Amino acid sequence: MRHRTLKWKFTVTFISMMALAVTATWCINNWFLEGYYQNYKIGVLEKGYHAIDTIVLEEKKNGGSALEGAEDELNSSADFFTVGNPDAGRQNRGRNYPEEEQEDGSSESPGAQGSSEASGVAKLAEVVRYLRDTSNITLLICDSMNGNILVSSMKDIQVMKDRVSQYIVGRNAPHREILKEHENYMIQKTYDPRTKTVYLESWGFFSDNGTIFIMTTPLDSIRESAAISNRFLMYVGIAVILVSSVILYFITRRVTAPIHELSQLSEKMSNLDFEAKYEDTKHPTEEISTLGNSMNVLSDKLRDTIGELKAANIQLQRDIEEKTQIDEMRKEFIANVSHELKTPIALIQGYAEGLKEGVSEDAQSREFYCDVIMDEAAKMNQMVRNLLALNQLEFGNEEIVFERFDLTGLVKGVLQSMEILAQQEGISVIFRQKEPVYVWADEFKTEQVVQNYVSNAFHHAKQEKVVEVKIGIEEGRARVTVFNTGTPIPDADIGHIWEKFYKVDKAHTREYGGNGIGLSIVKAVMESFHQKYGVNNYDNGVEFWFELDVQ
């Protein structure tokens, strides 16, 4: 199924919401309005009863009767206050009913609260007229003793009189639903089969117990009003939906146009077309503009990332080649180790067999044999130890502990430990540094580096046989240099001297027992420190150096 566009979804969603709102309003109008109207009418009937009852009781206390003459007053065309007081009508015209709440919680109707000069008859007529004219409530009041009609605001008097009589007697009463019951009266909903009309009625006795009343108002009017309101609401709702749909179409078209452009841009990006860029429209929104610019940035980063991936792929190929080279180097390493161990093992084996077979009978020869065996064993032991140390450094298995120590004191200690060797070789050692130089590094491994540099200088010192050690400080770094007089390292060899088992002068190296591992250890240590190291050739000798952090 084809995916729906965002514009289509917006339009359908809006129409659905509007239709739902109209439907909900229609339902509320149908279900709620009638109930609200009914409750309102019940309140008016209750207030009407209390207003009339108050007037009747006040007149009875004053020795009169508000019911006598009320019928004539009601039918009079003049305002009720004009009887006996022409100005009173103008003073009180426009009064509202039903009764209004006072601050003390009591309530009074206009009839009960009228001018002191107005009679109870006029007050009663005002209340009845108000109920009839404003709330469409008709009233009938009868004498409970003789059944005479005292007050009526309707034409069909006999029907109302018969109905209230049926209510009192309880026979042949129309279908009714009692809504509220009070001490002297009740309020009910009645269906009149004769007129097929539903009425809201209030009937009972006033507090004087001498009069019977019935008030009635039709409920069909509210249903007709609700029906008219619903038809109007339907027409208005349909018109609003149509007009809003057209407006929404153009709005969503304007909104979705840049989104469609962004969609096309993303499709081009998926095809690795990074030249396509988002350009702001005439009236861009902040969100769309931000999203478009973000996609431009994403396109640039994606292009750069793909370039980096290609470079990484090339590097990976190089790493594979390097791994192959490392495998070859490992094989070469094993071959070199085997070769380096072959000679001392052969010497040890040969001299040991000679001792066993008694080749040399004198003690001096036997001592010579033993010295050779011990010397070769010591060389083998040193080579194995160096190989183990180098292996741990290269594979990161040895812990590096950085601490602050005196580099001057460390160099002095190494030179003092090698003083006997220097004297045996006739080497002059120069180290003029007296002030302490504090650096941050692994002290033990730094000592290995210094010892290997100095040992290498002793073995290769020629001519004047001078070895000079210096400590210089520059840009927060301490540089240690070890210089020995002699022949410079050939340019072809200078790039390989840090490799394991590499020997510039194999014959000379064998002479002093070297195995080409010392400088490899220096390289591994300094790289673990992430520090610089190197070698410099001079006309009269060679200088090895390394750096450490002072702070």
Protein backbone atom coordinates (compact mmCIF):
# COMPACT_ATOMS: atom_id res chain seq x y z
CA MET A 1 0.00 0.00 0.00
CA ARG A 2 1.29 3.44 -0.95
CA HIS A 3 2.27 5.60 2.01
CA ARG A 4 0.00 8.55 2.73
CA THR A 5 1.52 12.02 2.52
CA LEU A 6 1.84 14.23 5.56
CA LYS A 7 -0.53 16.76 3.99
CA TRP A 8 -3.18 14.08 3.52
CA LYS A 9 -2.76 12.92 7.11
CA PHE A 10 -3.05 16.48 8.44
CA THR A 11 -6.24 17.12 6.43
CA VAL A 12 -7.89 13.84 7.44
CA THR A 13 -6.89 14.35 11.09
CA PHE A 14 -8.31 17.87 11.12
CA ILE A 15 -11.59 16.86 9.47
CA SER A 16 -11.94 13.96 11.89
CA MET A 17 -11.33 16.21 14.89
CA MET A 18 -13.81 18.80 13.65
CA ALA A 19 -16.42 16.13 12.96
CA LEU A 20 -15.82 14.68 16.41
CA ALA A 21 -16.18 18.12 17.99
CA VAL A 22 -19.44 18.79 16.13
CA THR A 23 -20.78 15.34 17.05
CA ALA A 24 -19.79 15.79 20.70
CA THR A 25 -21.45 19.22 20.77
CA TRP A 26 -24.60 17.75 19.22
CA CYS A 27 -24.70 14.97 21.81
CA ILE A 28 -24.15 17.39 24.68
CA ASN A 29 -26.78 19.67 23.25
CA ASN A 30 -29.24 16.76 23.11
CA TRP A 31 -28.48 15.11 26.43
CA PHE A 32 -27.46 17.99 28.60
CA LEU A 33 -29.63 20.85 27.46
CA GLU A 34 -32.96 19.22 28.30
CA GLY A 35 -31.70 18.21 31.75
CA TYR A 36 -30.35 21.70 32.41
CA TYR A 37 -33.59 23.30 31.26
CA GLN A 38 -35.63 20.94 33.41
CA ASN A 39 -33.60 21.75 36.52
CA TYR A 40 -33.89 25.41 35.78
CA LYS A 41 -37.69 25.13 35.50
CA ILE A 42 -37.85 23.17 38.75
CA GLY A 43 -36.00 26.01 40.46
CA VAL A 44 -38.42 28.57 39.03
CA LEU A 45 -41.41 26.53 40.22
CA GLU A 46 -39.95 26.26 43.73
CA LYS A 47 -39.22 29.98 43.90
CA GLY A 48 -42.69 30.76 42.54
CA TYR A 49 -44.29 28.62 45.22
CA HIS A 50 -42.35 30.31 48.04
CA ALA A 51 -43.06 33.78 46.68
CA ILE A 52 -46.82 33.19 46.50
CA ASP A 53 -46.87 31.37 49.83
CA THR A 54 -45.07 34.28 51.51
CA ILE A 55 -47.57 36.80 50.12
CA VAL A 56 -50.55 34.68 51.23
CA LEU A 57 -49.23 34.28 54.79
CA GLU A 58 -48.36 37.99 55.13
CA GLU A 59 -51.84 38.99 54.06
CA LYS A 60 -53.41 36.46 56.41
CA LYS A 61 -51.38 37.88 59.33
CA ASN A 62 -52.61 41.36 58.43
CA GLY A 63 -56.22 40.11 58.53
CA GLY A 64 -56.75 40.19 54.78
CA SER A 65 -56.60 37.84 51.85
CA ALA A 66 -54.31 38.23 48.85
CA LEU A 67 -56.39 35.73 46.88
CA GLU A 68 -59.59 37.76 46.84
CA GLY A 69 -59.48 40.13 43.91
CA ALA A 70 -56.23 38.77 42.55
CA GLU A 71 -58.01 37.41 39.48
CA ASP A 72 -59.32 40.86 38.54
CA GLU A 73 -55.96 42.44 39.22
CA LEU A 74 -54.29 39.84 37.05
CA ASN A 75 -56.59 40.51 34.11
CA SER A 76 -56.14 44.23 34.36
CA SER A 77 -54.12 45.83 31.60
CA ALA A 78 -52.45 48.25 34.01
CA ASP A 79 -49.37 47.48 36.04
CA PHE A 80 -50.19 46.06 39.41
CA PHE A 81 -48.75 48.95 41.36
CA THR A 82 -51.04 51.45 39.67
CA VAL A 83 -53.87 50.20 41.90
CA GLY A 84 -53.91 52.76 44.68
CA ASN A 85 -50.46 54.11 43.73
CA PRO A 86 -49.98 55.39 40.15
CA ASP A 87 -46.29 56.16 40.66
CA ALA A 88 -45.36 52.80 42.08
CA GLY A 89 -45.55 51.04 38.72
CA ARG A 90 -42.95 53.33 37.22
CA GLN A 91 -40.73 52.85 40.23
CA ASN A 92 -40.76 49.09 40.05
CA ARG A 93 -41.21 48.43 36.31
CA GLY A 94 -38.40 46.19 35.05
CA ARG A 95 -37.96 44.25 38.30
CA ASN A 96 -36.59 40.78 37.70
CA TYR A 97 -38.01 37.50 38.83
CA PRO A 98 -37.36 34.86 40.10
CA GLU A 99 -36.38 35.86 43.58
CA GLU A 100 -32.84 37.12 44.25
CA GLU A 101 -30.52 35.92 47.00
CA GLN A 102 -29.80 38.46 49.76
CA GLU A 103 -26.60 38.76 51.74
CA ASP A 104 -28.18 37.10 54.77
CA GLY A 105 -29.17 34.07 52.67
CA SER A 106 -32.86 34.89 52.51
CA SER A 107 -34.64 35.30 49.24
CA GLU A 108 -37.61 37.38 48.33
CA SER A 109 -39.57 37.87 45.20
CA PRO A 110 -40.52 41.22 43.80
CA GLY A 111 -44.06 40.62 44.93
CA ALA A 112 -43.07 39.84 48.47
CA GLN A 113 -40.49 42.68 48.56
CA GLY A 114 -42.61 45.33 46.87
CA SER A 115 -43.44 48.77 48.17
CA SER A 116 -45.13 48.96 51.50
CA GLU A 117 -47.92 50.88 49.82
CA ALA A 118 -48.69 48.00 47.41
CA SER A 119 -51.37 45.58 48.46
CA GLY A 120 -50.93 41.80 48.75
CA VAL A 121 -53.33 41.39 45.84
CA ALA A 122 -51.09 43.49 43.60
CA LYS A 123 -48.01 41.60 44.75
CA LEU A 124 -49.63 38.25 44.01
CA ALA A 125 -50.74 39.44 40.59
CA GLU A 126 -47.18 40.55 39.83
CA VAL A 127 -45.73 37.12 40.66
CA VAL A 128 -48.37 35.26 38.65
CA ARG A 129 -47.96 37.59 35.69
CA TYR A 130 -44.19 37.20 35.80
CA LEU A 131 -44.38 33.39 35.88
CA ARG A 132 -46.79 33.46 32.94
CA ASP A 133 -44.97 35.99 30.76
CA THR A 134 -41.31 35.16 31.35
CA SER A 135 -41.30 31.43 32.14
CA ASN A 136 -44.48 30.23 30.39
CA ILE A 137 -45.84 28.90 33.68
CA THR A 138 -49.63 28.78 34.15
CA LEU A 139 -51.14 28.83 37.62
CA LEU A 140 -54.44 27.73 39.16
CA ILE A 141 -55.38 28.33 42.81
CA CYS A 142 -58.59 26.82 44.27
CA ASP A 143 -60.34 26.91 47.61
CA SER A 144 -59.77 23.55 49.26
CA MET A 145 -63.16 23.67 51.04
CA ASN A 146 -65.60 24.48 48.24
CA GLY A 147 -63.42 24.06 45.14
CA ASN A 148 -63.96 27.63 43.96
CA ILE A 149 -61.29 28.99 41.67
CA LEU A 150 -59.51 31.94 43.29
CA VAL A 151 -56.70 32.75 40.82
CA SER A 152 -55.95 31.42 37.36
CA SER A 153 -53.60 32.44 34.54
CA MET A 154 -54.94 29.99 31.94
CA LYS A 155 -57.88 29.62 29.65
CA ASP A 156 -58.67 25.90 30.12
CA ILE A 157 -59.48 26.20 33.81
CA GLN A 158 -61.64 23.10 34.17
CA VAL A 159 -58.98 20.76 32.81
CA MET A 160 -56.45 22.02 35.34
CA LYS A 161 -58.99 21.83 38.15
CA ASP A 162 -59.86 18.24 37.27
CA ARG A 163 -56.19 17.29 37.05
CA VAL A 164 -55.30 18.60 40.50
CA SER A 165 -58.41 16.88 41.88
CA GLN A 166 -57.23 13.61 40.37
CA TYR A 167 -53.82 14.15 41.98
CA ILE A 168 -55.41 14.72 45.36
CA VAL A 169 -57.77 11.78 45.09
CA GLY A 170 -55.20 9.61 43.32
CA ARG A 171 -57.57 8.20 40.72
CA ASN A 172 -57.35 8.33 36.92
CA ALA A 173 -54.28 10.48 37.17
CA PRO A 174 -52.20 10.77 33.96
CA HIS A 175 -48.81 9.14 33.73
CA ARG A 176 -46.38 11.06 35.87
CA GLU A 177 -42.84 10.93 37.27
CA ILE A 178 -42.28 12.54 40.65
CA LEU A 179 -39.08 14.61 40.62
CA LYS A 180 -39.14 16.35 44.01
CA GLU A 181 -41.31 16.07 47.12
CA HIS A 182 -41.68 18.81 49.74
CA GLU A 183 -43.78 19.10 52.87
CA ASN A 184 -46.75 20.84 51.27
CA TYR A 185 -46.15 20.26 47.55
CA MET A 186 -44.36 18.17 44.99
CA ILE A 187 -42.86 18.64 41.52
CA GLN A 188 -43.47 16.03 38.81
CA LYS A 189 -43.18 15.36 35.11
CA THR A 190 -46.55 14.55 33.50
CA TYR A 191 -47.51 13.26 30.08
CA ASP A 192 -50.84 14.46 28.74
CA PRO A 193 -52.19 11.87 26.23
CA ARG A 194 -54.85 14.30 25.10
CA THR A 195 -52.41 16.88 23.80
CA LYS A 196 -49.47 14.43 23.60
CA THR A 197 -47.37 16.90 25.54
CA VAL A 198 -44.97 16.50 28.44
CA TYR A 199 -45.47 18.98 31.28
CA LEU A 200 -43.48 19.94 34.31
CA GLU A 201 -45.96 20.46 37.16
CA SER A 202 -45.92 21.64 40.75
CA TRP A 203 -49.04 21.03 42.88
CA GLY A 204 -50.03 20.96 46.54
CA PHE A 205 -51.20 23.26 49.38
CA PHE A 206 -50.03 26.66 50.53
CA SER A 207 -49.10 27.09 54.19
CA ASP A 208 -52.56 28.48 55.08
CA ASN A 209 -53.93 24.96 54.36
CA GLY A 210 -56.95 26.59 52.76
CA THR A 211 -55.88 26.71 49.16
CA ILE A 212 -54.80 24.19 46.55
CA PHE A 213 -52.56 25.17 43.65
CA ILE A 214 -51.15 23.71 40.47
CA MET A 215 -48.41 25.25 38.28
CA THR A 216 -47.55 23.75 34.93
CA THR A 217 -45.17 24.48 32.03
CA PRO A 218 -44.60 22.47 28.84
CA LEU A 219 -41.20 20.82 28.19
CA ASP A 220 -41.68 20.32 24.47
CA SER A 221 -40.42 23.83 23.74
CA ILE A 222 -36.91 22.97 24.89
CA ARG A 223 -36.86 19.90 22.69
CA GLU A 224 -37.93 21.98 19.71
CA SER A 225 -35.23 24.53 20.54
CA ALA A 226 -32.66 21.76 20.83
CA ALA A 227 -33.69 20.37 17.44
CA ILE A 228 -33.39 23.80 15.83
CA SER A 229 -30.04 24.28 17.54
CA ASN A 230 -28.83 20.92 16.30
CA ARG A 231 -29.82 21.68 12.70
CA PHE A 232 -28.08 25.04 12.90
CA LEU A 233 -25.04 23.42 14.46
CA MET A 234 -24.94 20.81 11.71
CA TYR A 235 -25.07 23.42 8.95
CA VAL A 236 -22.45 25.60 10.64
CA GLY A 237 -20.24 22.58 11.38
CA ILE A 238 -20.31 21.40 7.77
CA ALA A 239 -19.50 24.89 6.53
CA VAL A 240 -16.66 25.26 9.05
CA ILE A 241 -15.23 21.86 8.10
CA LEU A 242 -15.31 22.67 4.37
CA VAL A 243 -13.77 26.14 4.75
CA SER A 244 -11.20 24.91 7.27
CA SER A 245 -10.27 21.99 5.03
CA VAL A 246 -9.52 24.34 2.14
CA ILE A 247 -7.48 26.62 4.40
CA LEU A 248 -5.69 23.63 5.94
CA TYR A 249 -4.86 22.30 2.48
CA PHE A 250 -2.98 25.44 1.56
CA ILE A 251 -1.34 25.69 4.97
CA THR A 252 -0.16 22.07 4.92
CA ARG A 253 0.98 22.53 1.34
CA ARG A 254 3.15 25.40 2.46
CA VAL A 255 4.42 23.43 5.45
CA THR A 256 5.05 20.16 3.65
CA ALA A 257 6.83 21.71 0.64
CA PRO A 258 10.14 22.17 2.49
CA ILE A 259 9.67 18.76 4.14
CA HIS A 260 9.32 17.24 0.68
CA GLU A 261 12.49 19.06 -0.32
CA LEU A 262 14.27 17.64 2.71
CA SER A 263 13.02 14.18 1.79
CA GLN A 264 14.50 14.52 -1.69
CA LEU A 265 17.75 15.77 -0.15
CA SER A 266 17.94 12.74 2.15
CA GLU A 267 17.33 10.45 -0.83
CA LYS A 268 20.26 12.06 -2.66
CA MET A 269 22.38 11.66 0.45
CA SER A 270 21.50 7.97 0.57
CA ASN A 271 22.84 7.74 -2.98
CA LEU A 272 26.08 9.43 -1.77
CA ASP A 273 25.35 12.62 -3.64
CA PHE A 274 26.83 15.12 -1.20
CA GLU A 275 26.74 18.07 -3.58
CA ALA A 276 23.00 18.56 -2.99
CA LYS A 277 22.33 21.14 -0.29
CA TYR A 278 19.25 22.58 1.40
CA GLU A 279 18.48 26.19 0.56
CA ASP A 280 16.06 28.31 2.57
CA THR A 281 12.71 29.02 0.92
CA LYS A 282 11.07 32.45 0.78
CA HIS A 283 9.25 32.00 4.08
CA PRO A 284 11.14 29.33 6.02
CA THR A 285 10.11 28.35 9.53
CA GLU A 286 12.69 28.20 12.26
CA GLU A 287 12.28 24.43 12.71
CA ILE A 288 12.52 23.63 8.97
CA SER A 289 15.50 25.95 8.52
CA THR A 290 17.26 24.37 11.50
CA LEU A 291 16.54 20.87 10.17
CA GLY A 292 17.76 21.80 6.68
CA ASN A 293 20.98 23.29 8.01
CA SER A 294 21.48 20.22 10.19
CA MET A 295 21.11 18.00 7.12
CA ASN A 296 23.70 20.13 5.33
CA VAL A 297 26.07 19.64 8.25
CA LEU A 298 25.20 15.93 8.29
CA SER A 299 25.96 15.71 4.56
CA ASP A 300 29.37 17.31 5.08
CA LYS A 301 30.17 15.10 8.05
CA LEU A 302 28.98 12.01 6.18
CA ARG A 303 31.20 12.93 3.26
CA ASP A 304 34.14 13.42 5.60
CA THR A 305 33.35 10.20 7.45
CA ILE A 306 33.25 8.21 4.23
CA GLY A 307 36.60 9.73 3.33
CA GLU A 308 37.93 8.75 6.74
CA LEU A 309 36.56 5.24 6.30
CA LYS A 310 38.35 4.95 2.98
CA ALA A 311 41.53 6.14 4.63
CA ALA A 312 40.93 3.71 7.50
CA ASN A 313 40.44 0.94 4.97
CA ILE A 314 43.77 1.80 3.38
CA GLN A 315 45.34 1.89 6.84
CA LEU A 316 43.77 -1.47 7.62
CA GLN A 317 45.36 -2.92 4.53
CA ARG A 318 48.64 -1.46 5.67
CA ASP A 319 48.12 -2.96 9.12
CA ILE A 320 47.53 -6.34 7.54
CA GLU A 321 50.73 -5.95 5.61
CA GLU A 322 52.47 -4.83 8.76
CA LYS A 323 51.13 -7.86 10.61
CA THR A 324 52.60 -10.03 7.89
CA GLN A 325 55.88 -8.22 8.36
CA ILE A 326 55.63 -8.71 12.12
CA ASP A 327 55.15 -12.43 11.58
CA GLU A 328 58.24 -12.42 9.45
CA MET A 329 60.07 -10.46 12.12
CA ARG A 330 58.96 -12.93 14.73
CA LYS A 331 60.39 -15.76 12.68
CA GLU A 332 63.57 -13.75 12.26
CA PHE A 333 63.60 -13.08 15.99
CA ILE A 334 63.43 -16.79 16.79
CA ALA A 335 66.18 -17.44 14.26
CA ASN A 336 68.35 -14.68 15.82
CA VAL A 337 67.80 -15.98 19.32
CA SER A 338 68.69 -19.46 18.21
CA HIS A 339 71.79 -18.10 16.51
CA GLU A 340 72.85 -16.01 19.54
CA LEU A 341 72.41 -18.92 21.91
CA LYS A 342 74.04 -21.46 19.61
CA THR A 343 77.62 -20.18 20.11
CA PRO A 344 77.66 -19.91 23.92
CA ILE A 345 75.87 -23.25 24.26
CA ALA A 346 78.43 -24.87 21.96
CA LEU A 347 81.31 -23.36 23.96
CA ILE A 348 79.80 -24.43 27.26
CA GLN A 349 79.16 -27.93 25.94
CA GLY A 350 82.68 -28.22 24.44
CA TYR A 351 84.51 -27.01 27.52
CA ALA A 352 82.34 -29.10 29.81
CA GLU A 353 83.05 -32.26 27.79
CA GLY A 354 86.79 -31.38 27.87
CA LEU A 355 86.67 -31.12 31.65
CA LYS A 356 84.82 -34.40 31.89
CA GLU A 357 87.29 -36.22 29.66
CA GLY A 358 90.31 -34.69 31.48
CA VAL A 359 91.73 -32.90 28.46
CA SER A 360 93.56 -30.45 30.69
CA GLU A 361 95.38 -32.02 33.60
CA ASP A 362 96.80 -28.92 35.26
CA ALA A 363 94.71 -26.73 37.57
CA GLN A 364 95.31 -23.57 35.58
CA SER A 365 93.77 -25.06 32.42
CA ARG A 366 90.78 -26.37 34.32
CA GLU A 367 90.26 -22.92 35.88
CA PHE A 368 90.39 -21.38 32.40
CA TYR A 369 87.76 -23.84 31.17
CA CYS A 370 85.52 -23.05 34.11
CA ASP A 371 85.90 -19.28 33.55
CA VAL A 372 84.85 -19.68 29.92
CA ILE A 373 81.83 -21.71 30.90
CA MET A 374 80.79 -19.19 33.57
CA ASP A 375 81.34 -16.22 31.20
CA GLU A 376 79.23 -17.73 28.42
CA ALA A 377 76.51 -18.72 30.89
CA ALA A 378 76.45 -15.15 32.23
CA LYS A 379 76.09 -13.81 28.67
CA MET A 380 73.21 -16.24 28.03
CA ASN A 381 71.55 -15.22 31.31
CA GLN A 382 71.87 -11.49 30.51
CA MET A 383 70.46 -11.99 27.01
CA VAL A 384 67.48 -13.96 28.33
CA ARG A 385 66.79 -11.31 30.98
CA ASN A 386 67.00 -8.56 28.38
CA LEU A 387 64.66 -10.48 26.07
CA LEU A 388 62.12 -10.98 28.87
CA ALA A 389 62.27 -7.29 29.81
CA LEU A 390 61.91 -6.25 26.17
CA ASN A 391 58.96 -8.60 25.65
CA GLN A 392 57.11 -7.20 28.68
CA LEU A 393 57.68 -3.64 27.50
CA GLU A 394 56.57 -4.28 23.93
CA PHE A 395 53.38 -6.05 24.95
CA GLY A 396 52.54 -3.66 27.79
CA ASN A 397 52.65 -6.31 30.47
CA GLU A 398 55.00 -4.41 32.77
CA GLU A 399 53.52 -1.73 35.03
CA ILE A 400 54.94 1.77 34.68
CA VAL A 401 55.09 3.82 37.89
CA PHE A 402 55.61 7.55 37.36
CA GLU A 403 57.27 9.37 40.24
CA ARG A 404 59.38 12.45 40.85
CA PHE A 405 63.12 11.76 41.39
CA ASP A 406 66.52 13.35 41.01
CA LEU A 407 67.92 12.57 37.55
CA THR A 408 71.40 13.87 38.50
CA GLY A 409 71.66 11.43 41.38
CA LEU A 410 70.48 8.55 39.16
CA VAL A 411 73.17 9.22 36.53
CA LYS A 412 75.86 9.49 39.22
CA GLY A 413 74.78 6.14 40.62
CA VAL A 414 74.98 4.41 37.20
CA LEU A 415 78.44 5.88 36.52
CA GLN A 416 79.72 4.82 39.93
CA SER A 417 78.50 1.23 39.38
CA MET A 418 80.37 1.11 36.05
CA GLU A 419 83.54 2.80 37.30
CA ILE A 420 85.53 -0.47 37.42
CA LEU A 421 84.60 -1.28 33.81
CA ALA A 422 85.67 2.21 32.75
CA GLN A 423 89.02 1.74 34.42
CA GLN A 424 89.50 -1.68 32.77
CA GLU A 425 88.77 -0.18 29.34
CA GLY A 426 90.85 2.95 29.99
CA ILE A 427 87.87 5.27 29.43
CA SER A 428 87.65 8.82 30.75
CA VAL A 429 84.16 9.58 32.02
CA ILE A 430 83.05 13.23 32.18
CA PHE A 431 79.91 14.30 34.10
CA ARG A 432 79.94 17.88 35.41
CA GLN A 433 76.30 18.19 36.53
CA LYS A 434 76.09 18.97 40.23
CA GLU A 435 72.69 20.58 40.77
CA PRO A 436 69.75 18.18 41.18
CA VAL A 437 67.33 17.92 38.28
CA TYR A 438 63.91 16.54 39.25
CA VAL A 439 61.92 14.73 36.56
CA TRP A 440 58.70 12.65 36.28
CA ALA A 441 59.21 9.08 35.05
CA ASP A 442 59.68 5.44 36.10
CA GLU A 443 62.97 5.60 37.99
CA PHE A 444 63.91 1.93 37.53
CA LYS A 445 63.31 1.93 33.77
CA THR A 446 65.07 5.29 33.40
CA GLU A 447 68.08 3.71 35.08
CA GLN A 448 67.95 0.88 32.48
CA VAL A 449 68.05 3.46 29.66
CA VAL A 450 71.00 5.36 31.16
CA GLN A 451 72.86 2.10 31.87
CA ASN A 452 72.34 0.82 28.29
CA TYR A 453 73.46 4.17 26.79
CA VAL A 454 76.60 4.30 28.98
CA SER A 455 77.41 0.60 28.43
CA ASN A 456 77.03 1.05 24.66
CA ALA A 457 79.32 4.13 24.82
CA PHE A 458 81.98 2.21 26.78
CA HIS A 459 82.02 -0.63 24.25
CA HIS A 460 82.30 1.66 21.23
CA ALA A 461 84.62 4.36 22.60
CA LYS A 462 87.81 4.64 20.52
CA GLN A 463 90.63 7.04 19.88
CA GLU A 464 90.74 9.23 23.01
CA LYS A 465 88.21 6.91 24.68
CA VAL A 466 86.18 9.68 26.20
CA VAL A 467 82.59 9.28 27.38
CA GLU A 468 80.74 12.50 28.33
CA VAL A 469 77.30 12.58 30.00
CA LYS A 470 75.29 15.83 30.13
CA ILE A 471 71.89 16.97 31.46
CA GLY A 472 70.31 20.01 29.82
CA ILE A 473 66.93 21.69 30.48
CA GLU A 474 64.94 23.30 27.70
CA GLU A 475 61.19 24.19 27.47
CA GLY A 476 60.22 22.17 30.53
CA ARG A 477 62.14 19.06 29.46
CA ALA A 478 65.38 17.52 30.64
CA ARG A 479 67.61 16.07 27.91
CA VAL A 480 70.23 13.46 28.82
CA THR A 481 73.05 13.02 26.26
CA VAL A 482 75.73 10.30 26.27
CA PHE A 483 78.65 11.01 23.90
CA ASN A 484 81.55 8.70 23.09
CA THR A 485 84.52 9.34 20.87
CA GLY A 486 84.97 6.99 17.95
CA THR A 487 83.70 6.17 14.50
CA PRO A 488 80.27 7.59 13.50
CA ILE A 489 77.45 5.11 12.70
CA PRO A 490 77.06 4.58 8.94
CA ASP A 491 74.01 6.26 7.44
CA ALA A 492 72.75 2.90 6.13
CA ASP A 493 72.72 1.49 9.66
CA ILE A 494 71.51 4.43 11.67
CA GLY A 495 67.81 3.65 11.00
CA HIS A 496 68.18 0.03 12.12
CA ILE A 497 70.15 0.35 15.36
CA TRP A 498 66.92 0.30 17.43
CA GLU A 499 65.88 -3.07 16.00
CA LYS A 500 66.36 -6.24 18.02
CA PHE A 501 69.61 -8.17 17.34
CA TYR A 502 70.81 -5.56 14.87
CA LYS A 503 74.58 -5.12 15.04
CA VAL A 504 76.58 -2.49 13.16
CA ASP A 505 79.95 -4.26 13.81
CA LYS A 506 79.15 -7.91 14.41
CA ALA A 507 82.76 -8.90 15.11
CA HIS A 508 83.25 -6.13 17.66
CA THR A 509 79.88 -6.79 19.24
CA ARG A 510 80.72 -10.44 19.67
CA GLU A 511 84.05 -9.47 21.16
CA TYR A 512 82.48 -7.72 24.16
CA GLY A 513 79.49 -10.02 24.32
CA GLY A 514 76.79 -7.74 22.92
CA ASN A 515 73.63 -9.16 21.41
CA GLY A 516 71.93 -6.08 19.89
CA ILE A 517 69.11 -5.86 22.47
CA GLY A 518 70.20 -2.89 24.62
CA LEU A 519 69.04 -0.13 22.26
CA SER A 520 65.80 -2.04 21.59
CA ILE A 521 65.10 -1.85 25.33
CA VAL A 522 65.79 1.90 25.25
CA LYS A 523 63.29 2.30 22.41
CA ALA A 524 60.59 0.29 24.21
CA VAL A 525 61.06 2.20 27.49
CA MET A 526 60.94 5.66 25.92
CA GLU A 527 57.89 4.82 23.83
CA SER A 528 56.13 3.58 26.96
CA PHE A 529 56.97 7.01 28.49
CA HIS A 530 55.71 8.75 25.32
CA GLN A 531 58.99 10.64 25.23
CA LYS A 532 61.55 11.43 22.51
CA TYR A 533 64.92 9.68 21.99
CA GLY A 534 67.52 9.50 19.25
CA VAL A 535 71.11 9.49 18.06
CA ASN A 536 73.39 12.12 16.49
CA ASN A 537 76.56 11.52 14.49
CA TYR A 538 79.59 13.79 14.85
CA ASP A 539 82.97 13.77 13.15
CA ASN A 540 84.70 12.50 16.28
CA GLY A 541 82.02 10.31 17.74
CA VAL A 542 78.39 9.42 18.41
CA GLU A 543 75.82 10.97 20.79
CA PHE A 544 72.70 9.16 22.12
CA TRP A 545 69.96 11.15 23.88
CA PHE A 546 66.53 11.01 25.50
CA GLU A 547 64.09 13.48 27.12
CA LEU A 548 61.95 13.51 30.28
CA ASP A 549 59.36 15.92 31.71
CA VAL A 550 60.64 18.24 34.41
CA GLN A 551 57.17 19.23 35.71
